[in-house]
Protein backbone atom coordinates (compact mmCIF):
# COMPACT_ATOMS: atom_id res chain seq x y z
CA MET A 1 10.11 27.07 -33.50
CA GLN A 2 11.91 29.43 -35.90
CA ILE A 3 13.75 28.06 -38.96
CA PHE A 4 15.77 29.94 -41.57
CA ASP A 5 13.82 29.87 -44.84
CA THR A 6 15.98 30.17 -47.97
CA LEU A 7 13.06 31.54 -50.00
CA SER A 8 12.29 34.53 -47.76
CA ASN A 9 15.93 34.75 -46.61
CA THR A 10 14.81 35.11 -43.00
CA LYS A 11 13.83 33.05 -39.96
CA ILE A 12 10.14 32.16 -39.96
CA GLU A 13 7.93 30.31 -37.51
CA LEU A 14 7.17 26.67 -38.20
CA LYS A 15 3.37 26.52 -38.34
CA PHE A 16 1.35 23.33 -38.76
CA SER A 17 -2.08 21.91 -38.01
CA ASP A 18 -1.98 18.24 -37.00
CA LYS A 19 1.55 17.23 -38.03
CA VAL A 20 4.78 18.47 -39.59
CA ARG A 21 5.33 17.17 -43.12
CA ILE A 22 8.94 17.08 -44.31
CA TYR A 23 10.27 16.17 -47.75
CA LEU A 24 14.02 15.63 -47.88
CA CYS A 25 15.73 15.15 -51.24
CA GLY A 26 17.58 11.86 -50.90
CA VAL A 27 20.54 10.38 -52.74
CA THR A 28 21.01 9.32 -56.35
CA VAL A 29 21.93 5.67 -55.99
CA TYR A 30 24.87 5.41 -58.40
CA ASP A 31 27.58 5.34 -55.72
CA ASP A 32 28.03 5.07 -51.95
CA ALA A 33 26.82 7.98 -49.81
CA HIS A 34 29.51 10.34 -48.50
CA ILE A 35 30.01 12.49 -45.39
CA GLY A 36 28.25 15.45 -47.08
CA HIS A 37 25.10 13.36 -47.50
CA ALA A 38 25.50 12.22 -43.90
CA ARG A 39 25.53 15.78 -42.55
CA THR A 40 22.29 16.75 -44.31
CA ILE A 41 20.50 13.57 -43.30
CA ILE A 42 21.73 13.73 -39.67
CA VAL A 43 20.56 17.37 -39.38
CA PHE A 44 17.07 16.39 -40.53
CA ASP A 45 17.11 13.27 -38.35
CA VAL A 46 17.76 15.46 -35.27
CA LEU A 47 15.09 17.96 -36.37
CA ARG A 48 12.60 15.12 -36.59
CA ARG A 49 13.69 13.63 -33.25
CA PHE A 50 13.31 17.04 -31.57
CA LEU A 51 9.82 17.61 -32.96
CA GLU A 52 8.75 14.12 -31.92
CA SER A 53 10.18 14.70 -28.42
CA GLN A 54 7.72 17.61 -28.21
CA LYS A 55 4.89 15.14 -29.07
CA ILE A 56 4.55 16.63 -32.56
CA PRO A 57 3.77 13.96 -35.21
CA VAL A 58 6.17 14.05 -38.16
CA GLU A 59 5.59 12.60 -41.63
CA PHE A 60 9.06 12.27 -43.11
CA ILE A 61 9.50 11.47 -46.81
CA GLN A 62 12.94 10.88 -48.29
CA ASN A 63 13.21 9.77 -51.90
CA PHE A 64 15.70 7.69 -53.84
CA THR A 65 16.59 8.87 -57.33
CA ASP A 66 16.98 5.49 -58.99
CA VAL A 67 16.78 6.56 -62.66
CA ASP A 68 19.36 9.10 -63.80
CA ASP A 69 22.09 9.52 -66.41
CA LYS A 70 24.74 9.01 -63.71
CA ILE A 71 23.19 5.64 -62.81
CA ILE A 72 23.05 4.57 -66.46
CA ASP A 73 26.69 5.57 -67.09
CA ARG A 74 27.93 3.86 -63.91
CA ALA A 75 25.92 0.68 -64.66
CA SER A 76 27.55 0.52 -68.07
CA GLN A 77 31.01 0.80 -66.46
CA GLU A 78 30.20 -1.93 -63.93
CA LYS A 79 28.62 -4.13 -66.63
CA MET A 80 25.24 -4.46 -64.91
CA SER A 81 21.76 -3.10 -65.49
CA ALA A 82 20.77 0.30 -64.10
CA LEU A 83 18.19 -1.46 -61.90
CA GLU A 84 20.84 -3.82 -60.44
CA LEU A 85 23.17 -0.90 -59.72
CA ALA A 86 20.38 1.09 -58.02
CA ILE A 87 19.42 -1.92 -55.86
CA LYS A 88 23.07 -2.40 -54.84
CA TYR A 89 23.59 1.21 -53.72
CA THR A 90 20.16 1.47 -52.10
CA LYS A 91 21.08 -1.49 -49.90
CA ASN A 92 24.43 0.16 -49.09
CA TYR A 93 22.57 3.35 -48.17
CA PHE A 94 20.48 1.57 -45.52
CA ASP A 95 23.55 -0.24 -44.15
CA ASP A 96 25.36 3.11 -43.80
CA PHE A 97 22.56 5.16 -42.30
CA ASP A 98 21.27 2.45 -39.98
CA GLY A 99 24.90 2.35 -38.80
CA LEU A 100 24.73 6.13 -38.21
CA ASN A 101 21.67 5.61 -35.98
CA VAL A 102 19.42 7.56 -38.38
CA LYS A 103 15.71 6.84 -37.90
CA ARG A 104 14.04 5.35 -40.95
CA ALA A 105 11.84 7.76 -42.91
CA THR A 106 8.07 7.27 -42.95
CA ILE A 107 8.35 6.36 -46.65
CA TYR A 108 11.27 6.05 -49.07
CA PRO A 109 9.62 6.51 -52.47
CA LYS A 110 11.66 5.57 -55.55
CA ALA A 111 11.45 7.47 -58.81
CA THR A 112 10.95 4.30 -60.86
CA GLU A 113 7.83 3.46 -58.83
CA HIS A 114 6.18 6.82 -59.67
CA ILE A 115 6.48 7.13 -63.45
CA GLU A 116 2.72 7.40 -63.89
CA ASP A 117 2.51 10.20 -61.28
CA MET A 118 5.23 12.10 -63.16
CA GLN A 119 3.51 11.60 -66.51
CA ASN A 120 0.22 12.91 -65.10
CA LEU A 121 2.01 15.99 -63.78
CA ILE A 122 3.73 16.57 -67.15
CA SER A 123 0.42 16.16 -69.02
CA ASN A 124 -1.13 18.84 -66.81
CA LEU A 125 1.77 21.23 -67.43
CA LEU A 126 1.43 20.65 -71.19
CA ASP A 127 -2.31 21.32 -71.04
CA LYS A 128 -1.67 24.59 -69.18
CA LYS A 129 1.01 25.59 -71.75
CA TYR A 130 3.75 25.59 -69.10
CA ALA A 131 5.53 22.89 -71.10
CA TYR A 132 6.15 22.00 -74.73
CA THR A 133 7.47 19.07 -76.77
CA THR A 134 10.55 18.95 -79.01
CA LYS A 135 12.06 16.04 -80.94
CA ASN A 136 14.24 15.30 -77.88
CA GLY A 137 11.69 15.47 -75.08
CA VAL A 138 9.23 17.56 -73.09
CA TYR A 139 10.54 20.81 -71.59
CA PHE A 140 9.29 23.25 -68.98
CA SER A 141 8.99 26.79 -70.31
CA VAL A 142 10.77 28.91 -67.71
CA SER A 143 9.50 32.19 -69.17
CA LYS A 144 5.91 31.15 -68.39
CA PHE A 145 6.66 31.02 -64.64
CA THR A 146 7.22 34.68 -63.80
CA GLU A 147 8.66 34.01 -60.34
CA TYR A 148 11.49 31.80 -61.62
CA GLY A 149 14.66 32.50 -59.63
CA LYS A 150 12.89 33.48 -56.40
CA LEU A 151 14.58 30.73 -54.35
CA SER A 152 18.13 31.06 -55.68
CA LYS A 153 17.82 34.85 -56.21
CA LYS A 154 19.05 34.34 -59.79
CA ASN A 155 17.94 36.59 -62.63
CA THR A 156 16.67 34.75 -65.74
CA ASP A 157 18.38 37.23 -68.09
CA ASP A 158 21.72 36.49 -66.43
CA LEU A 159 21.03 32.76 -66.62
CA VAL A 160 20.27 32.99 -70.34
CA SER A 161 23.39 35.03 -71.11
CA GLY A 162 25.52 32.63 -69.07
CA ALA A 163 23.94 29.44 -70.44
CA ARG A 164 26.13 27.00 -72.30
CA VAL A 165 25.19 26.12 -75.85
CA ASN A 166 22.76 23.22 -75.55
CA ILE A 167 22.69 20.43 -78.12
CA ASP A 168 18.89 20.68 -78.20
CA GLU A 169 18.55 23.76 -80.39
CA GLU A 170 14.79 23.21 -80.54
CA LYS A 171 14.37 24.50 -76.99
CA ASP A 172 12.50 27.80 -76.83
CA ASN A 173 14.94 29.09 -74.22
CA PRO A 174 18.42 27.82 -73.22
CA ILE A 175 17.36 27.61 -69.55
CA ASP A 176 14.20 25.55 -70.16
CA PHE A 177 14.65 22.19 -68.40
CA ALA A 178 13.66 18.62 -69.28
CA LEU A 179 10.53 17.04 -67.83
CA TRP A 180 10.76 13.96 -70.05
CA LYS A 181 13.73 12.79 -72.13
CA PHE A 182 13.07 10.67 -75.21
CA SER A 183 15.19 7.51 -75.30
CA GLU A 184 14.94 4.00 -76.69
CA SER A 185 17.69 2.65 -74.42
CA GLU A 186 16.87 1.09 -71.06
CA PRO A 187 15.64 2.08 -68.60
CA SER A 188 12.78 3.72 -70.46
CA TRP A 189 8.98 3.85 -70.29
CA ASP A 190 6.19 4.43 -72.76
CA SER A 191 4.51 7.84 -72.54
CA PRO A 192 1.90 9.82 -74.51
CA TRP A 193 4.77 11.82 -76.08
CA GLY A 194 7.23 9.04 -76.79
CA LYS A 195 9.37 6.41 -75.08
CA GLY A 196 11.86 7.76 -72.57
CA ARG A 197 12.55 8.57 -68.95
CA PRO A 198 11.79 11.45 -66.56
CA GLY A 199 13.94 14.47 -65.90
CA TRP A 200 15.46 14.71 -62.40
CA HIS A 201 13.39 17.62 -61.10
CA ILE A 202 9.96 16.23 -61.98
CA GLU A 203 10.63 13.16 -59.81
CA CYS A 204 10.71 15.09 -56.53
CA SER A 205 7.71 17.25 -57.45
CA ALA A 206 5.59 14.19 -58.23
CA MET A 207 6.60 12.27 -55.11
CA SER A 208 6.30 15.17 -52.65
CA LEU A 209 2.88 16.18 -54.04
CA LYS A 210 1.68 12.58 -53.85
CA TYR A 211 2.72 11.89 -50.27
CA LEU A 212 2.54 15.32 -48.60
CA GLY A 213 -0.08 17.24 -50.59
CA GLU A 214 0.01 20.48 -52.56
CA SER A 215 1.51 22.60 -49.77
CA PHE A 216 3.55 21.18 -46.88
CA GLU A 217 5.70 22.46 -44.02
CA ILE A 218 9.37 21.81 -44.84
CA HIS A 219 11.30 20.93 -47.99
CA GLY A 220 14.96 20.26 -47.37
CA GLY A 221 18.29 19.23 -48.80
CA GLY A 222 21.88 20.33 -49.19
CA ARG A 223 22.64 23.90 -50.29
CA ASP A 224 23.92 22.52 -53.60
CA LEU A 225 20.31 21.66 -54.50
CA ILE A 226 18.98 25.24 -54.29
CA PHE A 227 19.74 25.75 -57.97
CA PRO A 228 18.71 24.28 -60.28
CA HIS A 229 16.92 21.39 -58.55
CA HIS A 230 14.76 23.14 -55.97
CA GLU A 231 14.24 26.20 -58.15
CA ASN A 232 12.87 23.93 -60.87
CA GLU A 233 10.75 21.98 -58.41
CA ILE A 234 9.06 25.21 -57.32
CA ALA A 235 8.43 26.30 -60.92
CA GLN A 236 6.78 23.07 -62.06
CA SER A 237 4.94 22.33 -58.77
CA GLU A 238 3.45 25.81 -58.33
CA SER A 239 2.52 25.93 -62.03
CA PHE A 240 0.65 22.68 -61.44
CA THR A 241 -1.14 23.64 -58.19
CA SER A 242 -1.27 27.46 -58.33
CA LYS A 243 -0.35 27.27 -54.60
CA GLN A 244 2.74 27.82 -52.48
CA PHE A 245 4.72 24.58 -52.70
CA ALA A 246 6.67 24.36 -49.41
CA LYS A 247 6.21 26.77 -46.50
CA ILE A 248 9.88 26.55 -45.43
CA TRP A 249 12.92 25.74 -47.56
CA MET A 250 15.63 24.44 -45.20
CA HIS A 251 19.12 23.93 -46.64
CA VAL A 252 22.22 22.39 -45.04
CA GLY A 253 25.74 23.64 -45.73
CA MET A 254 28.39 21.58 -47.47
CA ILE A 255 31.29 19.70 -45.91
CA THR A 256 34.79 20.59 -47.08
CA ILE A 257 37.84 18.37 -46.59
CA ASN A 258 40.81 20.25 -45.12
CA GLY A 259 39.38 23.43 -46.66
CA GLU A 260 38.78 21.94 -50.12
CA LYS A 261 35.49 21.02 -51.78
CA MET A 262 34.90 17.26 -51.89
CA SER A 263 35.57 16.04 -55.41
CA LYS A 264 36.20 12.68 -57.03
CA SER A 265 38.76 14.29 -59.33
CA VAL A 266 40.73 15.50 -56.28
CA GLY A 267 40.22 12.11 -54.62
CA ASN A 268 39.13 13.51 -51.25
CA VAL A 269 35.59 12.11 -51.05
CA LYS A 270 34.97 10.45 -47.67
CA SER A 271 32.32 7.74 -47.87
CA VAL A 272 29.96 7.13 -44.95
CA ASN A 273 31.25 3.56 -44.80
CA HIS A 274 34.84 4.81 -44.44
CA VAL A 275 34.13 7.34 -41.69
CA LEU A 276 31.88 4.89 -39.82
CA GLU A 277 34.56 2.22 -39.84
CA ASN A 278 37.21 4.63 -38.54
CA TRP A 279 35.24 6.87 -36.18
CA GLY A 280 31.93 5.22 -35.33
CA PRO A 281 28.43 6.75 -35.42
CA ASN A 282 28.59 8.99 -32.34
CA ILE A 283 31.75 10.85 -33.39
CA ILE A 284 30.28 11.48 -36.85
CA ARG A 285 26.99 12.77 -35.40
CA LEU A 286 28.75 15.08 -32.91
CA PHE A 287 30.91 16.42 -35.75
CA CYS A 288 27.98 16.97 -38.16
CA LEU A 289 26.04 18.87 -35.48
CA SER A 290 28.99 20.95 -34.28
CA GLY A 291 28.45 23.86 -36.69
CA SER A 292 25.46 25.95 -37.74
CA TYR A 293 23.49 23.81 -40.20
CA THR A 294 23.30 26.63 -42.77
CA LYS A 295 27.11 27.06 -42.93
CA PRO A 296 29.82 24.80 -44.35
CA ILE A 297 31.95 22.79 -41.94
CA ASP A 298 35.41 21.38 -42.52
CA TYR A 299 36.18 17.68 -42.05
CA SER A 300 39.55 17.07 -40.46
CA GLU A 301 41.14 14.36 -38.34
CA LYS A 302 41.94 16.92 -35.64
CA ILE A 303 38.27 17.92 -35.16
CA LEU A 304 37.17 14.29 -35.15
CA LYS A 305 39.75 13.44 -32.48
CA GLU A 306 38.47 16.29 -30.32
CA ASN A 307 35.06 14.65 -30.46
CA ILE A 308 36.49 11.39 -29.09
CA THR A 309 37.27 13.23 -25.84
CA LYS A 310 33.70 14.52 -25.75
CA LEU A 311 32.28 11.05 -26.37
CA ARG A 312 34.34 9.65 -23.48
CA GLN A 313 32.88 12.36 -21.22
CA ILE A 314 29.36 11.47 -22.40
CA GLU A 315 29.95 7.78 -21.66
CA SER A 316 31.41 8.61 -18.23
CA CYS A 317 28.37 10.73 -17.41
CA TYR A 318 25.96 7.92 -18.28
CA TYR A 319 27.81 5.34 -16.19
CA GLU A 320 28.27 7.63 -13.21
CA LEU A 321 24.47 8.03 -13.19
CA ARG A 322 23.82 4.36 -13.97
CA LEU A 323 26.08 3.09 -11.19
CA ALA A 324 25.20 5.67 -8.53
CA ASP A 325 24.84 3.88 -5.18
CA LEU A 326 25.13 6.61 -2.54
CA ASP A 327 22.21 7.44 -0.28
CA GLY A 328 21.31 11.05 0.39
CA ASP A 329 19.45 14.00 -1.06
CA SER A 330 19.52 15.16 -4.67
CA ASN A 331 22.17 17.85 -4.12
CA THR A 332 19.75 20.43 -5.54
CA VAL A 333 20.20 19.06 -9.08
CA ASP A 334 16.61 19.98 -9.98
CA LYS A 335 17.72 23.52 -10.82
CA LEU A 336 20.56 22.25 -13.03
CA VAL A 337 18.26 19.86 -14.94
CA ASN A 338 15.55 22.46 -15.53
CA GLU A 339 18.10 25.05 -16.61
CA CYS A 340 19.75 22.66 -19.07
CA LYS A 341 16.43 21.46 -20.46
CA ASN A 342 15.24 25.01 -21.11
CA GLU A 343 18.57 26.06 -22.67
CA PHE A 344 18.72 22.96 -24.89
CA ASP A 345 15.15 23.32 -26.18
CA SER A 346 15.53 27.08 -26.61
CA ALA A 347 18.65 26.56 -28.75
CA LEU A 348 16.88 24.12 -31.08
CA ASN A 349 13.75 26.26 -31.27
CA ASN A 350 15.88 29.24 -32.36
CA ASP A 351 16.76 28.22 -35.93
CA PHE A 352 17.86 24.76 -34.89
CA ASN A 353 21.08 25.90 -33.21
CA THR A 354 22.74 22.51 -32.68
CA PRO A 355 26.15 23.96 -31.61
CA LEU A 356 24.43 25.79 -28.72
CA ALA A 357 22.35 22.71 -27.88
CA LEU A 358 25.57 20.66 -27.74
CA THR A 359 27.13 23.28 -25.44
CA THR A 360 24.23 22.77 -23.01
CA TYR A 361 24.47 18.98 -23.35
CA TYR A 362 28.19 19.15 -22.48
CA LYS A 363 27.40 21.51 -19.59
CA LEU A 364 25.11 18.91 -18.00
CA ILE A 365 27.72 16.20 -18.59
CA ARG A 366 30.52 18.32 -17.09
CA GLU A 367 28.46 19.02 -13.96
CA VAL A 368 27.65 15.32 -13.49
CA ASN A 369 31.27 14.26 -13.97
CA SER A 370 32.41 16.96 -11.53
CA LEU A 371 29.94 15.75 -8.88
CA ALA A 372 31.09 12.19 -9.53
CA ALA A 373 34.75 13.14 -9.09
CA ASP A 374 33.81 14.56 -5.68
CA GLU A 375 31.80 11.39 -4.97
CA LYS A 376 28.58 13.36 -4.60
CA ILE A 377 26.31 11.54 -7.09
CA THR A 378 23.48 10.01 -5.06
CA GLN A 379 20.84 7.59 -6.28
CA ASN A 380 18.23 10.33 -5.87
CA SER A 381 20.18 12.87 -7.93
CA ALA A 382 20.85 10.23 -10.62
CA LYS A 383 17.12 9.53 -10.89
CA ILE A 384 16.47 13.23 -11.53
CA ILE A 385 19.33 13.78 -14.01
CA MET A 386 19.17 10.53 -16.02
CA PRO A 387 15.83 11.13 -17.83
CA GLU A 388 16.96 14.54 -19.12
CA PHE A 389 20.41 13.24 -20.07
CA GLU A 390 18.78 10.39 -22.01
CA ARG A 391 16.25 12.75 -23.65
CA MET A 392 19.03 15.01 -24.93
CA SER A 393 21.09 12.01 -26.06
CA ASP A 394 18.12 10.55 -27.93
CA ILE A 395 17.33 13.86 -29.69
CA LEU A 396 20.98 14.13 -30.78
CA GLY A 397 20.94 10.46 -31.79
CA ILE A 398 23.86 9.59 -29.50
CA HIS A 399 23.75 5.88 -28.78
CA ILE A 400 25.78 4.91 -25.71
CA MET A 401 26.85 1.30 -25.14
CA LYS A 402 24.71 0.14 -22.23
CA VAL A 403 24.65 -2.88 -19.94
CA THR A 404 21.89 -5.02 -18.50
CA ASP A 405 21.41 -5.31 -14.74
CA GLU A 406 22.90 -8.81 -14.99
CA GLU A 407 26.05 -7.51 -16.71
CA LYS A 408 26.25 -4.64 -14.23
CA ASN A 409 26.17 -7.04 -11.25
CA GLU A 410 28.75 -9.36 -12.83
CA ILE A 411 31.17 -6.48 -13.48
CA ASN A 412 30.65 -5.07 -9.97
CA GLN A 413 31.51 -8.46 -8.47
CA MET A 414 34.71 -8.60 -10.51
CA ILE A 415 35.64 -5.10 -9.30
CA GLU A 416 35.06 -6.15 -5.68
CA LYS A 417 37.44 -9.09 -6.18
CA ARG A 418 39.99 -6.78 -7.78
CA ASP A 419 39.70 -4.34 -4.85
CA GLU A 420 40.27 -7.21 -2.42
CA HIS A 421 43.44 -8.17 -4.30
CA ARG A 422 44.63 -4.55 -4.26
CA ILE A 423 44.07 -4.25 -0.50
CA LYS A 424 46.14 -7.41 -0.03
CA LYS A 425 48.74 -5.96 -2.42
CA ASN A 426 48.17 -8.91 -4.73
CA TYR A 427 48.65 -6.68 -7.76
CA GLU A 428 49.26 -9.48 -10.27
CA GLN A 429 45.79 -10.97 -9.63
CA ALA A 430 44.24 -7.48 -9.63
CA ASP A 431 45.80 -6.75 -13.03
CA LYS A 432 44.50 -10.06 -14.41
CA ILE A 433 40.96 -9.04 -13.51
CA ARG A 434 41.52 -5.62 -15.10
CA ASP A 435 42.72 -7.32 -18.33
CA GLU A 436 39.79 -9.75 -18.31
CA ILE A 437 37.25 -6.99 -17.89
CA ALA A 438 38.96 -4.78 -20.50
CA LYS A 439 37.97 -7.38 -23.14
CA LYS A 440 34.36 -6.29 -22.51
CA ASN A 441 35.28 -2.68 -23.49
CA ILE A 442 35.11 -1.77 -19.78
CA ILE A 443 37.44 0.93 -18.44
CA PHE A 444 38.01 1.28 -14.69
CA VAL A 445 37.66 4.71 -13.09
CA ASP A 446 39.42 4.88 -9.72
CA HIS A 447 37.92 7.51 -7.40
CA LYS A 448 39.37 8.33 -4.00
CA ASN A 449 37.19 5.91 -2.03
CA LYS A 450 35.82 3.58 -4.70
CA THR A 451 36.22 2.26 -8.23
CA THR A 452 33.56 2.77 -10.89
CA TRP A 453 33.65 1.81 -14.54
CA VAL A 454 32.55 2.79 -18.05
CA LYS A 455 31.69 0.68 -21.08
CA GLN A 456 33.24 2.48 -24.07
CA GLU A 457 32.60 2.36 -27.78
CA LYS A 458 35.69 1.18 -29.64
CA ILE A 459 37.09 3.85 -31.96
CA LYS A 460 39.47 2.50 -34.59
CA SER A 461 41.18 5.88 -35.09
CA GLU A 462 41.69 6.58 -31.38
């Protein structure tokens, strides 16, 4: 598998020994997650699902930043403690992303649970003279790490000349960043240097090193984290270990709203809760995977509506296979299934090309629905196609509303009664059955010689 690595600015092969270790920078829990967060997390969810489908074990760590100036400021506005605010938005996070059918990470470490790990890391950096103390805190000395800027391709001289005047005039260099901030206000912790709280960047270094070791396979996040967050992580982590930190740096492009950057000041931020309520999990996943993960994509109602049509085709495909009852051969579908499987896997192995993988997924669906329209889906062909259709759906995280055998039989009996009424031209009774069954989210599909049906997800914005 080849993945684009931001550090080397090229595609490189994903190499591992016994498992793939992934660290994904999670959310700062001061507000509800938005569609931009959703895209990054869905991309990594599908990456993990694909690797696991290949029988490759994945250790997936995604942190929560639960101590931060934004949290403290927001808690003050909402008249609650920072801890209470973080607990509130952490719970909301799980509600949102469980709703998006995102698999739970192996571990969700919280910054507040790893203060000692951060302090040990800072002590080591001080001992090695990579850090120094001022009256305001402990700072990392950027000039001591000669490779600073290698991820973001930024030049330190340019950064210094462009730096804003910092209130901490004791810093050796305007671009030196905080490892520990002195503070008497809560939340704060005792440390060898003085009471305070950690800087943002040291949190992810400490947690990734603790759970994944000194050098692991993939470090990921949104492209907005390349600088300064990931650049600073590299500087402090590699100064600590004297080893390459992450082998691949994988970054996901931003989401714009009707061509504009999402911004609270503009008022165009779309929360996960909002988009879930209006569009449902499958539409959001199809949208987030529809463009190259490295590039920005634009959120618009028009694009989301186009994905409703695709979801209806996916649902139809599943039910045509699920309800297949014709005898006969497999209509040579083996070739189609093998071709689609190879194309789908090849797309994801080549820099995780989800748009091309989706094209193949839709190709399989289109072929099935075409066979069904011609009443050529046999039980044998369904048995061959269904496992691959379900494998692709599972990797993409598409969750189709299914029925038990008992429900299937009950609905089929109702359809038989309806057909009897139609033959007798008793259309009023036939329509009553249609209305009754529609309450179960079932849509009838009338073919030339028979009627099939589909259970559809309700989409509020349809």
